[in-house]
Amino acid sequence: MLGWVITCHDDRAQEMLDALEKKHGALLQCRAVNFWRGLSSNMLSRMMCDALHEADSGEGVIFLTDIAGAPPYRVAS
């Protein structure tokens, strides 16, 4: 199954994942990465890499970001 990594500013990524799981049940191959003000791009990259490995089952992973061109988007690309 295709994995998903949701990455957004503040706590929106976790809120989105919580809402999805409330509606659809546990999403085992979906991870949330929140980008907090002051977090370095290097640390965000490490967090997203960890989430990528956790979500990947060998069939690929899709990254969902909140703002094109913002740090979560740039790191995901």
N, C-alpha and C. Protein backbone atom coordinates (compact mmCIF):
# COMPACT_ATOMS: atom_id res chain seq x y z
N MET A 1 0.83 -1.18 0.00
CA MET A 1 0.00 0.00 0.00
C MET A 1 0.88 1.25 0.00
N LEU A 2 0.42 2.26 -0.67
CA LEU A 2 1.13 3.52 -0.76
C LEU A 2 1.15 4.22 0.60
N GLY A 3 2.32 4.71 1.00
CA GLY A 3 2.44 5.44 2.26
C GLY A 3 2.22 6.93 2.05
N TRP A 4 1.88 7.63 3.14
CA TRP A 4 1.65 9.07 3.09
C TRP A 4 2.42 9.75 4.22
N VAL A 5 3.03 10.88 3.92
CA VAL A 5 3.62 11.75 4.93
C VAL A 5 2.95 13.11 4.78
N ILE A 6 2.29 13.55 5.84
CA ILE A 6 1.62 14.85 5.86
C ILE A 6 2.54 15.81 6.61
N THR A 7 2.90 16.92 5.98
CA THR A 7 3.78 17.88 6.64
C THR A 7 3.22 19.29 6.47
N CYS A 8 3.04 19.98 7.59
CA CYS A 8 2.43 21.31 7.60
C CYS A 8 3.06 22.17 8.69
N HIS A 9 2.74 23.44 8.65
CA HIS A 9 3.18 24.36 9.69
C HIS A 9 2.39 24.14 10.98
N ASP A 10 3.03 24.47 12.08
CA ASP A 10 2.46 24.35 13.42
C ASP A 10 1.99 22.91 13.65
N ASP A 11 0.79 22.72 14.18
CA ASP A 11 0.34 21.35 14.47
C ASP A 11 -0.72 20.86 13.49
N ARG A 12 -0.81 21.49 12.33
CA ARG A 12 -1.84 21.12 11.35
C ARG A 12 -1.68 19.71 10.81
N ALA A 13 -0.45 19.25 10.63
CA ALA A 13 -0.24 17.90 10.09
C ALA A 13 -0.82 16.85 11.03
N GLN A 14 -0.53 16.97 12.31
CA GLN A 14 -1.06 16.00 13.27
C GLN A 14 -2.58 16.11 13.37
N GLU A 15 -3.10 17.34 13.30
CA GLU A 15 -4.55 17.53 13.34
C GLU A 15 -5.22 16.86 12.15
N MET A 16 -4.61 16.98 10.96
CA MET A 16 -5.17 16.33 9.77
C MET A 16 -5.15 14.81 9.92
N LEU A 17 -4.04 14.28 10.40
CA LEU A 17 -3.94 12.83 10.59
C LEU A 17 -4.94 12.35 11.62
N ASP A 18 -5.09 13.08 12.71
CA ASP A 18 -6.07 12.71 13.74
C ASP A 18 -7.49 12.68 13.16
N ALA A 19 -7.83 13.69 12.35
CA ALA A 19 -9.17 13.74 11.74
C ALA A 19 -9.38 12.58 10.78
N LEU A 20 -8.36 12.26 9.99
CA LEU A 20 -8.47 11.13 9.06
C LEU A 20 -8.64 9.82 9.80
N GLU A 21 -7.88 9.63 10.88
CA GLU A 21 -7.98 8.40 11.65
C GLU A 21 -9.31 8.30 12.39
N LYS A 22 -9.85 9.42 12.78
CA LYS A 22 -11.16 9.41 13.45
C LYS A 22 -12.24 8.93 12.48
N LYS A 23 -12.10 9.33 11.22
CA LYS A 23 -13.10 8.96 10.21
C LYS A 23 -12.86 7.57 9.63
N HIS A 24 -11.59 7.20 9.41
CA HIS A 24 -11.27 5.97 8.68
C HIS A 24 -10.60 4.89 9.52
N GLY A 25 -10.32 5.15 10.78
CA GLY A 25 -9.60 4.19 11.61
C GLY A 25 -8.10 4.39 11.48
N ALA A 26 -7.35 3.51 12.11
CA ALA A 26 -5.88 3.63 12.13
C ALA A 26 -5.31 3.58 10.71
N LEU A 27 -4.44 4.52 10.42
CA LEU A 27 -3.75 4.58 9.13
C LEU A 27 -2.29 4.23 9.38
N LEU A 28 -1.97 2.96 9.24
CA LEU A 28 -0.66 2.46 9.63
C LEU A 28 0.48 3.00 8.79
N GLN A 29 0.22 3.37 7.55
CA GLN A 29 1.29 3.86 6.68
C GLN A 29 1.15 5.35 6.42
N CYS A 30 0.70 6.07 7.41
CA CYS A 30 0.57 7.52 7.30
C CYS A 30 1.25 8.16 8.51
N ARG A 31 2.09 9.15 8.26
CA ARG A 31 2.80 9.84 9.33
C ARG A 31 2.60 11.34 9.19
N ALA A 32 2.64 12.03 10.32
CA ALA A 32 2.53 13.49 10.34
C ALA A 32 3.85 14.09 10.82
N VAL A 33 4.28 15.15 10.15
CA VAL A 33 5.48 15.89 10.55
C VAL A 33 5.08 17.36 10.65
N ASN A 34 5.13 17.90 11.85
CA ASN A 34 4.80 19.30 12.09
C ASN A 34 6.06 20.16 11.97
N PHE A 35 5.92 21.30 11.30
CA PHE A 35 7.03 22.24 11.16
C PHE A 35 6.77 23.43 12.08
N TRP A 36 7.51 23.50 13.15
CA TRP A 36 7.36 24.56 14.15
C TRP A 36 8.31 25.70 13.85
N ARG A 37 7.90 26.91 14.17
CA ARG A 37 8.75 28.09 14.01
C ARG A 37 10.06 27.86 14.76
N GLY A 38 11.17 28.15 14.13
CA GLY A 38 12.47 27.99 14.75
C GLY A 38 13.13 26.65 14.47
N LEU A 39 12.38 25.71 13.91
CA LEU A 39 12.94 24.40 13.58
C LEU A 39 13.84 24.55 12.35
N SER A 40 15.04 24.04 12.41
CA SER A 40 15.96 24.17 11.27
C SER A 40 15.54 23.26 10.13
N SER A 41 15.93 23.64 8.92
CA SER A 41 15.63 22.81 7.75
C SER A 41 16.31 21.45 7.87
N ASN A 42 17.49 21.42 8.49
CA ASN A 42 18.20 20.16 8.68
C ASN A 42 17.41 19.22 9.59
N MET A 43 16.88 19.75 10.68
CA MET A 43 16.09 18.92 11.60
C MET A 43 14.79 18.48 10.95
N LEU A 44 14.15 19.38 10.20
CA LEU A 44 12.93 19.02 9.48
C LEU A 44 13.23 17.90 8.48
N SER A 45 14.35 18.00 7.80
CA SER A 45 14.74 16.96 6.84
C SER A 45 14.92 15.61 7.53
N ARG A 46 15.54 15.60 8.69
CA ARG A 46 15.72 14.35 9.44
C ARG A 46 14.38 13.76 9.87
N MET A 47 13.48 14.63 10.36
CA MET A 47 12.16 14.17 10.79
C MET A 47 11.37 13.60 9.62
N MET A 48 11.47 14.26 8.46
CA MET A 48 10.73 13.78 7.29
C MET A 48 11.33 12.49 6.75
N CYS A 49 12.64 12.35 6.84
CA CYS A 49 13.30 11.11 6.41
C CYS A 49 12.86 9.95 7.30
N ASP A 50 12.79 10.17 8.60
CA ASP A 50 12.30 9.14 9.52
C ASP A 50 10.86 8.76 9.18
N ALA A 51 10.02 9.76 8.93
CA ALA A 51 8.62 9.50 8.58
C ALA A 51 8.52 8.74 7.27
N LEU A 52 9.37 9.09 6.31
CA LEU A 52 9.39 8.39 5.02
C LEU A 52 9.67 6.91 5.21
N HIS A 53 10.68 6.59 5.99
CA HIS A 53 11.05 5.19 6.22
C HIS A 53 9.96 4.43 6.98
N GLU A 54 9.29 5.11 7.91
CA GLU A 54 8.22 4.47 8.67
C GLU A 54 6.99 4.21 7.80
N ALA A 55 6.71 5.10 6.84
CA ALA A 55 5.50 4.99 6.02
C ALA A 55 5.70 4.10 4.79
N ASP A 56 6.93 3.86 4.39
CA ASP A 56 7.20 3.13 3.15
C ASP A 56 7.11 1.62 3.33
N SER A 57 6.29 0.99 2.51
CA SER A 57 6.19 -0.48 2.51
C SER A 57 6.83 -1.06 1.26
N GLY A 58 7.48 -0.21 0.48
CA GLY A 58 8.10 -0.66 -0.76
C GLY A 58 7.31 -0.26 -1.99
N GLU A 59 6.13 0.32 -1.81
CA GLU A 59 5.29 0.72 -2.94
C GLU A 59 5.30 2.22 -3.18
N GLY A 60 6.09 2.95 -2.40
CA GLY A 60 6.20 4.39 -2.58
C GLY A 60 5.51 5.18 -1.49
N VAL A 61 5.81 6.47 -1.44
CA VAL A 61 5.26 7.38 -0.43
C VAL A 61 4.90 8.69 -1.11
N ILE A 62 3.76 9.24 -0.74
CA ILE A 62 3.32 10.55 -1.21
C ILE A 62 3.50 11.54 -0.07
N PHE A 63 4.06 12.71 -0.38
CA PHE A 63 4.17 13.79 0.60
C PHE A 63 3.06 14.80 0.34
N LEU A 64 2.33 15.15 1.39
CA LEU A 64 1.30 16.18 1.31
C LEU A 64 1.78 17.37 2.13
N THR A 65 1.85 18.55 1.51
CA THR A 65 2.34 19.74 2.20
C THR A 65 1.28 20.84 2.16
N ASP A 66 1.41 21.82 3.04
CA ASP A 66 0.38 22.85 3.13
C ASP A 66 0.62 24.06 2.22
N ILE A 67 1.85 24.48 2.02
CA ILE A 67 2.12 25.69 1.25
C ILE A 67 3.27 25.43 0.27
N ALA A 68 2.98 25.58 -1.03
CA ALA A 68 4.02 25.40 -2.05
C ALA A 68 5.12 26.44 -1.84
N GLY A 69 6.37 25.98 -1.86
CA GLY A 69 7.51 26.88 -1.72
C GLY A 69 7.98 27.08 -0.29
N ALA A 70 7.18 26.68 0.69
CA ALA A 70 7.56 26.81 2.10
C ALA A 70 8.53 25.69 2.49
N PRO A 71 9.20 25.80 3.64
CA PRO A 71 10.18 24.78 4.02
C PRO A 71 9.69 23.33 3.97
N PRO A 72 8.50 22.99 4.46
CA PRO A 72 8.08 21.59 4.35
C PRO A 72 8.00 21.11 2.90
N TYR A 73 7.54 21.98 2.01
CA TYR A 73 7.46 21.67 0.59
C TYR A 73 8.85 21.48 0.00
N ARG A 74 9.76 22.40 0.30
CA ARG A 74 11.12 22.33 -0.25
C ARG A 74 11.85 21.09 0.23
N VAL A 75 11.71 20.75 1.50
CA VAL A 75 12.38 19.56 2.04
C VAL A 75 11.79 18.29 1.43
N ALA A 76 10.47 18.26 1.26
CA ALA A 76 9.82 17.08 0.68
C ALA A 76 10.24 16.85 -0.76
N SER A 77 10.50 17.93 -1.49
CA SER A 77 10.86 17.78 -2.90
C SER A 77 12.30 17.34 -3.03
